[in-house]
Amino acid sequence: MTDQSLAAEPGKARLSPRKKQRISRAIQYVVLVAVLVGVVLYADWPSLAQNFAKPDVAEKALPELFTIALKNTLIYTTGGFVFAFLLGLLLALMRLSTVRPYRWISGLYIEIFRGLPALLIFLLITFLPLALPGFAVPGGTYGQGILGLGLVGAAYQAEVFRAGLQAVPKGQTEAARSLGMSAARAQITVVIPQAIRIVIPPTTNQFVALLKDSSLVLFLGISGEYVELAKFGNDLASQYANATPIMVAGVTYLLVTVPLGHLAARLEKRKVRAR
């Protein structure tokens, strides 16, 4: 056997990157199938169905699941979103302002409310009447929930708007100013509308995030006609000693969040294609 043939044999034994990828993928499929088979064989399905998917317990949640819990969840979320949208836009404009105090105030707000857990904000809201005797949040329980979601959401929405405002070409402002518009009018009529169109996909995701965060409203001590989905499911689960109401509440969340998530992804793809 010649030296050249000896040198060629190791090369023949090597696997191409594509073949290695196929082998790796095949191993992953085998492991996944093995795990699924294990779950199917060893899970106690009757017990799971009894505790997490009991039809007669699920029926107890109707119609209040939609007429009270889902309705309140959408009220808290929509109100908090509008609050966060408006305050976030103001904070973004302040963050980009040439006036230093505005930038400092906006930056401080964003850092604080992005750094604190949302749960802590809701707990602090419950102590407002003690800290400010005689003060009451307008709207009562709804107002408190909307305030908590809005304060937290505004910090994130401000950064979304800041990116959108900075994405608007400076030539747009210069063209508006050349037509005799003031800086404020150019910002309001030219820059902000374009920025809002740019941030529609991430803003949709922000709405979904607030919808999920609306479950924190339960820490305000809500009850009765003010309960949202998480509180509603938890109360029924405690009443019937069964987790089915919690699963029903979770499915209801998904009925709203999954379509919105797909909508945000489609809007993002459309924006990418338009570039």
C-alpha atoms as a PDB file:
ATOM      1  CA  MET A   1       0.000   0.000   0.000  1.00  0.00           C
ATOM      2  CA  THR A   2       1.483   3.320  -1.058  1.00  0.00           C
ATOM      3  CA  ASP A   3       1.832   6.420   1.090  1.00  0.00           C
ATOM      4  CA  GLN A   4      -0.687   8.239  -1.109  1.00  0.00           C
ATOM      5  CA  SER A   5      -3.407   5.616  -0.484  1.00  0.00           C
ATOM      6  CA  LEU A   6      -2.728   5.767   3.265  1.00  0.00           C
ATOM      7  CA  ALA A   7      -3.146   9.530   3.188  1.00  0.00           C
ATOM      8  CA  ALA A   8      -6.377   9.260   1.200  1.00  0.00           C
ATOM      9  CA  GLU A   9      -8.117   6.729   3.534  1.00  0.00           C
ATOM     10  CA  PRO A  10      -8.619   9.145   6.459  1.00  0.00           C
ATOM     11  CA  GLY A  11     -10.248  11.611   4.055  1.00  0.00           C
ATOM     12  CA  LYS A  12     -12.706   8.938   2.883  1.00  0.00           C
ATOM     13  CA  ALA A  13     -13.718   8.226   6.479  1.00  0.00           C
ATOM     14  CA  ARG A  14     -14.658  11.842   7.162  1.00  0.00           C
ATOM     15  CA  LEU A  15     -18.339  12.804   7.151  1.00  0.00           C
ATOM     16  CA  SER A  16     -19.509  15.838   5.253  1.00  0.00           C
ATOM     17  CA  PRO A  17     -21.131  18.656   7.311  1.00  0.00           C
ATOM     18  CA  ARG A  18     -24.489  17.881   5.694  1.00  0.00           C
ATOM     19  CA  LYS A  19     -24.279  14.207   6.669  1.00  0.00           C
ATOM     20  CA  LYS A  20     -23.302  15.139  10.227  1.00  0.00           C
ATOM     21  CA  GLN A  21     -26.320  17.424  10.399  1.00  0.00           C
ATOM     22  CA  ARG A  22     -28.618  14.622   9.205  1.00  0.00           C
ATOM     23  CA  ILE A  23     -27.235  12.212  11.813  1.00  0.00           C
ATOM     24  CA  SER A  24     -27.621  14.833  14.560  1.00  0.00           C
ATOM     25  CA  ARG A  25     -31.185  15.536  13.508  1.00  0.00           C
ATOM     26  CA  ALA A  26     -32.022  11.833  13.411  1.00  0.00           C
ATOM     27  CA  ILE A  27     -30.689  11.399  16.958  1.00  0.00           C
ATOM     28  CA  GLN A  28     -32.791  14.344  18.138  1.00  0.00           C
ATOM     29  CA  TYR A  29     -35.909  12.830  16.568  1.00  0.00           C
ATOM     30  CA  VAL A  30     -35.233   9.480  18.235  1.00  0.00           C
ATOM     31  CA  VAL A  31     -34.797  11.136  21.637  1.00  0.00           C
ATOM     32  CA  LEU A  32     -37.961  13.204  21.141  1.00  0.00           C
ATOM     33  CA  VAL A  33     -40.009  10.154  20.175  1.00  0.00           C
ATOM     34  CA  ALA A  34     -38.629   8.240  23.165  1.00  0.00           C
ATOM     35  CA  VAL A  35     -39.623  11.053  25.532  1.00  0.00           C
ATOM     36  CA  LEU A  36     -43.124  11.259  24.032  1.00  0.00           C
ATOM     37  CA  VAL A  37     -43.592   7.511  24.288  1.00  0.00           C
ATOM     38  CA  GLY A  38     -42.436   7.638  27.911  1.00  0.00           C
ATOM     39  CA  VAL A  39     -44.904  10.400  28.735  1.00  0.00           C
ATOM     40  CA  VAL A  40     -47.782   8.540  27.036  1.00  0.00           C
ATOM     41  CA  LEU A  41     -46.998   5.250  28.790  1.00  0.00           C
ATOM     42  CA  TYR A  42     -46.230   6.484  32.295  1.00  0.00           C
ATOM     43  CA  ALA A  43     -48.575   9.476  32.711  1.00  0.00           C
ATOM     44  CA  ASP A  44     -51.691   8.867  34.790  1.00  0.00           C
ATOM     45  CA  TRP A  45     -54.148  10.214  32.220  1.00  0.00           C
ATOM     46  CA  PRO A  46     -57.363   9.518  34.180  1.00  0.00           C
ATOM     47  CA  SER A  47     -55.964  11.369  37.189  1.00  0.00           C
ATOM     48  CA  LEU A  48     -54.780  14.287  35.031  1.00  0.00           C
ATOM     49  CA  ALA A  49     -58.188  14.539  33.369  1.00  0.00           C
ATOM     50  CA  GLN A  50     -59.919  14.392  36.749  1.00  0.00           C
ATOM     51  CA  ASN A  51     -57.832  17.218  38.207  1.00  0.00           C
ATOM     52  CA  PHE A  52     -57.143  19.445  35.203  1.00  0.00           C
ATOM     53  CA  ALA A  53     -59.919  18.818  32.657  1.00  0.00           C
ATOM     54  CA  LYS A  54     -63.117  17.947  34.474  1.00  0.00           C
ATOM     55  CA  PRO A  55     -66.064  18.924  32.230  1.00  0.00           C
ATOM     56  CA  ASP A  56     -68.641  19.507  34.972  1.00  0.00           C
ATOM     57  CA  VAL A  57     -66.256  21.830  36.840  1.00  0.00           C
ATOM     58  CA  ALA A  58     -65.469  23.684  33.629  1.00  0.00           C
ATOM     59  CA  GLU A  59     -69.191  24.259  33.088  1.00  0.00           C
ATOM     60  CA  LYS A  60     -69.363  26.021  36.460  1.00  0.00           C
ATOM     61  CA  ALA A  61     -67.172  28.786  35.006  1.00  0.00           C
ATOM     62  CA  LEU A  62     -69.773  29.710  32.387  1.00  0.00           C
ATOM     63  CA  PRO A  63     -71.007  32.269  31.533  1.00  0.00           C
ATOM     64  CA  GLU A  64     -69.127  34.407  34.110  1.00  0.00           C
ATOM     65  CA  LEU A  65     -65.827  33.402  32.471  1.00  0.00           C
ATOM     66  CA  PHE A  66     -66.693  35.668  29.551  1.00  0.00           C
ATOM     67  CA  THR A  67     -69.219  38.116  30.984  1.00  0.00           C
ATOM     68  CA  ILE A  68     -67.102  39.058  34.013  1.00  0.00           C
ATOM     69  CA  ALA A  69     -63.554  37.670  33.978  1.00  0.00           C
ATOM     70  CA  LEU A  70     -62.629  38.153  30.310  1.00  0.00           C
ATOM     71  CA  LYS A  71     -64.506  41.466  30.153  1.00  0.00           C
ATOM     72  CA  ASN A  72     -62.575  42.818  33.132  1.00  0.00           C
ATOM     73  CA  THR A  73     -59.279  41.523  31.770  1.00  0.00           C
ATOM     74  CA  LEU A  74     -59.871  43.429  28.535  1.00  0.00           C
ATOM     75  CA  ILE A  75     -60.921  46.563  30.444  1.00  0.00           C
ATOM     76  CA  TYR A  76     -57.753  46.532  32.571  1.00  0.00           C
ATOM     77  CA  THR A  77     -55.574  45.755  29.559  1.00  0.00           C
ATOM     78  CA  THR A  78     -57.100  48.257  27.150  1.00  0.00           C
ATOM     79  CA  GLY A  79     -57.146  51.048  29.728  1.00  0.00           C
ATOM     80  CA  GLY A  80     -53.560  50.314  30.766  1.00  0.00           C
ATOM     81  CA  PHE A  81     -52.471  50.171  27.135  1.00  0.00           C
ATOM     82  CA  VAL A  82     -53.979  53.583  26.300  1.00  0.00           C
ATOM     83  CA  PHE A  83     -52.366  55.050  29.425  1.00  0.00           C
ATOM     84  CA  ALA A  84     -48.992  53.480  28.555  1.00  0.00           C
ATOM     85  CA  PHE A  85     -49.275  54.557  24.907  1.00  0.00           C
ATOM     86  CA  LEU A  86     -49.823  58.231  25.704  1.00  0.00           C
ATOM     87  CA  LEU A  87     -47.365  58.437  28.603  1.00  0.00           C
ATOM     88  CA  GLY A  88     -44.791  56.390  26.677  1.00  0.00           C
ATOM     89  CA  LEU A  89     -44.981  58.777  23.722  1.00  0.00           C
ATOM     90  CA  LEU A  90     -44.501  61.760  26.038  1.00  0.00           C
ATOM     91  CA  LEU A  91     -41.537  60.094  27.747  1.00  0.00           C
ATOM     92  CA  ALA A  92     -39.961  59.253  24.386  1.00  0.00           C
ATOM     93  CA  LEU A  93     -40.246  62.877  23.240  1.00  0.00           C
ATOM     94  CA  MET A  94     -38.738  64.017  26.529  1.00  0.00           C
ATOM     95  CA  ARG A  95     -35.923  61.474  26.156  1.00  0.00           C
ATOM     96  CA  LEU A  96     -35.031  62.950  22.743  1.00  0.00           C
ATOM     97  CA  SER A  97     -35.503  66.550  23.829  1.00  0.00           C
ATOM     98  CA  THR A  98     -32.664  69.068  23.740  1.00  0.00           C
ATOM     99  CA  VAL A  99     -33.700  70.198  27.243  1.00  0.00           C
ATOM    100  CA  ARG A 100     -31.534  68.277  29.710  1.00  0.00           C
ATOM    101  CA  PRO A 101     -34.014  68.175  32.648  1.00  0.00           C
ATOM    102  CA  TYR A 102     -36.579  66.534  30.362  1.00  0.00           C
ATOM    103  CA  ARG A 103     -34.057  63.875  29.363  1.00  0.00           C
ATOM    104  CA  TRP A 104     -33.104  63.300  33.001  1.00  0.00           C
ATOM    105  CA  ILE A 105     -36.715  62.960  34.178  1.00  0.00           C
ATOM    106  CA  SER A 106     -37.607  60.601  31.329  1.00  0.00           C
ATOM    107  CA  GLY A 107     -34.466  58.496  31.736  1.00  0.00           C
ATOM    108  CA  LEU A 108     -34.998  58.221  35.504  1.00  0.00           C
ATOM    109  CA  TYR A 109     -38.630  57.140  35.071  1.00  0.00           C
ATOM    110  CA  ILE A 110     -37.745  54.532  32.458  1.00  0.00           C
ATOM    111  CA  GLU A 111     -34.898  53.085  34.518  1.00  0.00           C
ATOM    112  CA  ILE A 112     -37.001  52.881  37.690  1.00  0.00           C
ATOM    113  CA  PHE A 113     -40.135  51.356  36.207  1.00  0.00           C
ATOM    114  CA  ARG A 114     -38.227  48.929  33.986  1.00  0.00           C
ATOM    115  CA  GLY A 115     -36.041  47.899  36.902  1.00  0.00           C
ATOM    116  CA  LEU A 116     -38.788  47.318  39.486  1.00  0.00           C
ATOM    117  CA  PRO A 117     -40.932  44.157  39.396  1.00  0.00           C
ATOM    118  CA  ALA A 118     -44.436  44.927  38.163  1.00  0.00           C
ATOM    119  CA  LEU A 119     -45.847  43.161  41.226  1.00  0.00           C
ATOM    120  CA  LEU A 120     -44.128  45.695  43.478  1.00  0.00           C
ATOM    121  CA  ILE A 121     -45.811  48.564  41.623  1.00  0.00           C
ATOM    122  CA  PHE A 122     -49.241  47.036  42.226  1.00  0.00           C
ATOM    123  CA  LEU A 123     -48.472  46.509  45.895  1.00  0.00           C
ATOM    124  CA  LEU A 124     -47.384  50.139  46.244  1.00  0.00           C
ATOM    125  CA  ILE A 125     -50.651  51.297  44.649  1.00  0.00           C
ATOM    126  CA  THR A 126     -52.602  49.549  47.411  1.00  0.00           C
ATOM    127  CA  PHE A 127     -50.801  51.762  49.969  1.00  0.00           C
ATOM    128  CA  LEU A 128     -51.545  55.066  48.204  1.00  0.00           C
ATOM    129  CA  PRO A 129     -54.544  55.866  50.458  1.00  0.00           C
ATOM    130  CA  LEU A 130     -52.289  55.464  53.518  1.00  0.00           C
ATOM    131  CA  ALA A 131     -49.495  57.578  52.068  1.00  0.00           C
ATOM    132  CA  LEU A 132     -51.919  60.238  50.750  1.00  0.00           C
ATOM    133  CA  PRO A 133     -54.908  60.467  53.114  1.00  0.00           C
ATOM    134  CA  GLY A 134     -58.056  61.443  51.300  1.00  0.00           C
ATOM    135  CA  PHE A 135     -56.638  60.534  47.891  1.00  0.00           C
ATOM    136  CA  ALA A 136     -58.489  58.027  45.743  1.00  0.00           C
ATOM    137  CA  VAL A 137     -57.483  56.778  42.305  1.00  0.00           C
ATOM    138  CA  PRO A 138     -60.166  57.847  39.800  1.00  0.00           C
ATOM    139  CA  GLY A 139     -62.193  54.889  38.578  1.00  0.00           C
ATOM    140  CA  GLY A 140     -61.889  52.911  41.789  1.00  0.00           C
ATOM    141  CA  THR A 141     -60.717  49.336  41.315  1.00  0.00           C
ATOM    142  CA  TYR A 142     -60.613  49.663  37.539  1.00  0.00           C
ATOM    143  CA  GLY A 143     -58.589  52.841  37.890  1.00  0.00           C
ATOM    144  CA  GLN A 144     -56.051  51.181  40.181  1.00  0.00           C
ATOM    145  CA  GLY A 145     -55.550  48.283  37.777  1.00  0.00           C
ATOM    146  CA  ILE A 146     -55.226  50.593  34.786  1.00  0.00           C
ATOM    147  CA  LEU A 147     -52.792  52.826  36.695  1.00  0.00           C
ATOM    148  CA  GLY A 148     -50.530  49.900  37.605  1.00  0.00           C
ATOM    149  CA  LEU A 149     -50.456  48.496  34.081  1.00  0.00           C
ATOM    150  CA  GLY A 150     -50.029  51.944  32.554  1.00  0.00           C
ATOM    151  CA  LEU A 151     -47.113  52.963  34.767  1.00  0.00           C
ATOM    152  CA  VAL A 152     -45.208  49.775  34.002  1.00  0.00           C
ATOM    153  CA  GLY A 153     -46.122  49.636  30.321  1.00  0.00           C
ATOM    154  CA  ALA A 154     -45.195  53.276  29.699  1.00  0.00           C
ATOM    155  CA  ALA A 155     -41.543  52.620  30.552  1.00  0.00           C
ATOM    156  CA  TYR A 156     -41.297  49.922  27.876  1.00  0.00           C
ATOM    157  CA  GLN A 157     -43.493  51.756  25.377  1.00  0.00           C
ATOM    158  CA  ALA A 158     -41.270  54.828  25.704  1.00  0.00           C
ATOM    159  CA  GLU A 159     -38.276  52.863  24.447  1.00  0.00           C
ATOM    160  CA  VAL A 160     -40.359  51.492  21.580  1.00  0.00           C
ATOM    161  CA  PHE A 161     -41.398  55.004  20.587  1.00  0.00           C
ATOM    162  CA  ARG A 162     -37.863  56.323  20.944  1.00  0.00           C
ATOM    163  CA  ALA A 163     -36.647  53.742  18.438  1.00  0.00           C
ATOM    164  CA  GLY A 164     -39.526  54.619  16.106  1.00  0.00           C
ATOM    165  CA  LEU A 165     -38.883  58.357  16.296  1.00  0.00           C
ATOM    166  CA  GLN A 166     -35.196  57.858  15.606  1.00  0.00           C
ATOM    167  CA  ALA A 167     -36.040  55.637  12.615  1.00  0.00           C
ATOM    168  CA  VAL A 168     -37.864  58.479  10.845  1.00  0.00           C
ATOM    169  CA  PRO A 169     -35.427  60.028   8.337  1.00  0.00           C
ATOM    170  CA  LYS A 170     -34.238  63.474   9.373  1.00  0.00           C
ATOM    171  CA  GLY A 171     -34.999  64.650   5.853  1.00  0.00           C
ATOM    172  CA  GLN A 172     -38.706  64.447   6.721  1.00  0.00           C
ATOM    173  CA  THR A 173     -38.283  67.061   9.444  1.00  0.00           C
ATOM    174  CA  GLU A 174     -36.083  69.231   7.261  1.00  0.00           C
ATOM    175  CA  ALA A 175     -38.631  69.122   4.440  1.00  0.00           C
ATOM    176  CA  ALA A 176     -41.430  70.102   6.820  1.00  0.00           C
ATOM    177  CA  ARG A 177     -39.382  72.981   8.215  1.00  0.00           C
ATOM    178  CA  SER A 178     -38.595  74.174   4.690  1.00  0.00           C
ATOM    179  CA  LEU A 179     -42.347  74.490   4.110  1.00  0.00           C
ATOM    180  CA  GLY A 180     -42.566  76.935   6.986  1.00  0.00           C
ATOM    181  CA  MET A 181     -43.695  74.535   9.722  1.00  0.00           C
ATOM    182  CA  SER A 182     -42.515  75.122  13.257  1.00  0.00           C
ATOM    183  CA  ALA A 183     -40.459  72.407  14.971  1.00  0.00           C
ATOM    184  CA  ALA A 184     -43.437  71.418  17.134  1.00  0.00           C
ATOM    185  CA  ARG A 185     -45.847  71.247  14.213  1.00  0.00           C
ATOM    186  CA  ALA A 186     -43.383  69.215  12.126  1.00  0.00           C
ATOM    187  CA  GLN A 187     -43.005  66.795  15.021  1.00  0.00           C
ATOM    188  CA  ILE A 188     -46.750  66.403  15.531  1.00  0.00           C
ATOM    189  CA  THR A 189     -47.913  66.242  11.901  1.00  0.00           C
ATOM    190  CA  VAL A 190     -44.950  64.550  10.198  1.00  0.00           C
ATOM    191  CA  VAL A 191     -42.597  62.690  12.540  1.00  0.00           C
ATOM    192  CA  ILE A 192     -44.954  61.213  15.158  1.00  0.00           C
ATOM    193  CA  PRO A 193     -47.479  59.699  12.673  1.00  0.00           C
ATOM    194  CA  GLN A 194     -44.638  57.971  10.799  1.00  0.00           C
ATOM    195  CA  ALA A 195     -43.090  56.750  14.057  1.00  0.00           C
ATOM    196  CA  ILE A 196     -46.425  55.280  15.166  1.00  0.00           C
ATOM    197  CA  ARG A 197     -46.728  53.328  11.901  1.00  0.00           C
ATOM    198  CA  ILE A 198     -43.174  52.030  12.366  1.00  0.00           C
ATOM    199  CA  VAL A 199     -43.788  50.755  15.907  1.00  0.00           C
ATOM    200  CA  ILE A 200     -47.146  49.024  15.278  1.00  0.00           C
ATOM    201  CA  PRO A 201     -45.661  45.462  15.446  1.00  0.00           C
ATOM    202  CA  PRO A 202     -43.754  45.921  18.744  1.00  0.00           C
ATOM    203  CA  THR A 203     -46.691  47.891  20.146  1.00  0.00           C
ATOM    204  CA  THR A 204     -48.956  44.911  19.421  1.00  0.00           C
ATOM    205  CA  ASN A 205     -46.530  42.737  21.380  1.00  0.00           C
ATOM    206  CA  GLN A 206     -46.676  45.295  24.185  1.00  0.00           C
ATOM    207  CA  PHE A 207     -50.463  44.915  24.304  1.00  0.00           C
ATOM    208  CA  VAL A 208     -50.047  41.144  24.630  1.00  0.00           C
ATOM    209  CA  ALA A 209     -47.543  41.657  27.463  1.00  0.00           C
ATOM    210  CA  LEU A 210     -49.982  43.935  29.297  1.00  0.00           C
ATOM    211  CA  LEU A 211     -52.765  41.396  28.789  1.00  0.00           C
ATOM    212  CA  LYS A 212     -50.685  38.802  30.610  1.00  0.00           C
ATOM    213  CA  ASP A 213     -49.578  41.284  33.274  1.00  0.00           C
ATOM    214  CA  SER A 214     -53.242  42.069  33.968  1.00  0.00           C
ATOM    215  CA  SER A 215     -53.214  38.946  36.157  1.00  0.00           C
ATOM    216  CA  LEU A 216     -51.265  41.037  38.712  1.00  0.00           C
ATOM    217  CA  VAL A 217     -54.438  43.023  39.368  1.00  0.00           C
ATOM    218  CA  LEU A 218     -55.448  40.252  41.776  1.00  0.00           C
ATOM    219  CA  PHE A 219     -52.879  41.654  44.240  1.00  0.00           C
ATOM    220  CA  LEU A 220     -55.050  44.766  44.579  1.00  0.00           C
ATOM    221  CA  GLY A 221     -57.443  42.615  46.569  1.00  0.00           C
ATOM    222  CA  ILE A 222     -60.160  42.561  43.925  1.00  0.00           C
ATOM    223  CA  SER A 223     -63.262  40.419  44.269  1.00  0.00           C
ATOM    224  CA  GLY A 224     -66.768  39.988  42.936  1.00  0.00           C
ATOM    225  CA  GLU A 225     -67.542  41.924  39.773  1.00  0.00           C
ATOM    226  CA  TYR A 226     -63.950  43.197  39.412  1.00  0.00           C
ATOM    227  CA  VAL A 227     -62.129  39.852  39.083  1.00  0.00           C
ATOM    228  CA  GLU A 228     -60.045  39.148  35.980  1.00  0.00           C
ATOM    229  CA  LEU A 229     -59.227  35.756  34.454  1.00  0.00           C
ATOM    230  CA  ALA A 230     -56.428  34.675  36.802  1.00  0.00           C
ATOM    231  CA  LYS A 231     -58.326  35.620  39.963  1.00  0.00           C
ATOM    232  CA  PHE A 232     -61.538  34.112  38.611  1.00  0.00           C
ATOM    233  CA  GLY A 233     -59.854  30.786  37.820  1.00  0.00           C
ATOM    234  CA  ASN A 234     -58.019  30.670  41.142  1.00  0.00           C
ATOM    235  CA  ASP A 235     -61.176  31.364  43.157  1.00  0.00           C
ATOM    236  CA  LEU A 236     -63.131  28.601  41.398  1.00  0.00           C
ATOM    237  CA  ALA A 237     -60.214  26.191  41.738  1.00  0.00           C
ATOM    238  CA  SER A 238     -60.180  26.805  45.484  1.00  0.00           C
ATOM    239  CA  GLN A 239     -63.953  26.454  45.693  1.00  0.00           C
ATOM    240  CA  TYR A 240     -64.072  23.093  43.904  1.00  0.00           C
ATOM    241  CA  ALA A 241     -60.600  21.847  44.940  1.00  0.00           C
ATOM    242  CA  ASN A 242     -59.834  21.257  41.272  1.00  0.00           C
ATOM    243  CA  ALA A 243     -57.407  22.896  38.825  1.00  0.00           C
ATOM    244  CA  THR A 244     -59.791  22.781  35.855  1.00  0.00           C
ATOM    245  CA  PRO A 245     -60.900  26.448  36.241  1.00  0.00           C
ATOM    246  CA  ILE A 246     -57.258  27.556  36.095  1.00  0.00           C
ATOM    247  CA  MET A 247     -56.783  25.567  32.882  1.00  0.00           C
ATOM    248  CA  VAL A 248     -59.954  27.113  31.454  1.00  0.00           C
ATOM    249  CA  ALA A 249     -58.660  30.597  32.313  1.00  0.00           C
ATOM    250  CA  GLY A 250     -55.354  29.744  30.641  1.00  0.00           C
ATOM    251  CA  VAL A 251     -57.081  28.600  27.457  1.00  0.00           C
ATOM    252  CA  THR A 252     -59.089  31.845  27.435  1.00  0.00           C
ATOM    253  CA  TYR A 253     -55.861  33.855  27.645  1.00  0.00           C
ATOM    254  CA  LEU A 254     -54.526  31.884  24.673  1.00  0.00           C
ATOM    255  CA  LEU A 255     -57.654  32.595  22.637  1.00  0.00           C
ATOM    256  CA  VAL A 256     -56.655  36.266  22.786  1.00  0.00           C
ATOM    257  CA  THR A 257     -52.843  36.227  22.916  1.00  0.00           C
ATOM    258  CA  VAL A 258     -52.139  33.675  20.158  1.00  0.00           C
ATOM    259  CA  PRO A 259     -54.050  35.542  17.395  1.00  0.00           C
ATOM    260  CA  LEU A 260     -52.473  38.820  18.512  1.00  0.00           C
ATOM    261  CA  GLY A 261     -49.033  37.213  18.437  1.00  0.00           C
ATOM    262  CA  HIS A 262     -49.592  36.010  14.880  1.00  0.00           C
ATOM    263  CA  LEU A 263     -50.881  39.465  13.932  1.00  0.00           C
ATOM    264  CA  ALA A 264     -47.724  41.085  15.308  1.00  0.00           C
ATOM    265  CA  ALA A 265     -45.514  38.603  13.411  1.00  0.00           C
ATOM    266  CA  ARG A 266     -47.408  39.254  10.163  1.00  0.00           C
ATOM    267  CA  LEU A 267     -47.127  43.025  10.605  1.00  0.00           C
ATOM    268  CA  GLU A 268     -43.406  42.675  11.266  1.00  0.00           C
ATOM    269  CA  LYS A 269     -42.926  40.615   8.077  1.00  0.00           C
ATOM    270  CA  ARG A 270     -44.912  43.158   6.067  1.00  0.00           C
ATOM    271  CA  LYS A 271     -42.733  45.954   7.434  1.00  0.00           C
ATOM    272  CA  VAL A 272     -39.568  44.055   6.489  1.00  0.00           C
ATOM    273  CA  ARG A 273     -40.845  43.455   2.932  1.00  0.00           C
ATOM    274  CA  ALA A 274     -41.697  47.145   2.569  1.00  0.00           C
ATOM    275  CA  ARG A 275     -38.114  48.263   3.264  1.00  0.00           C
END
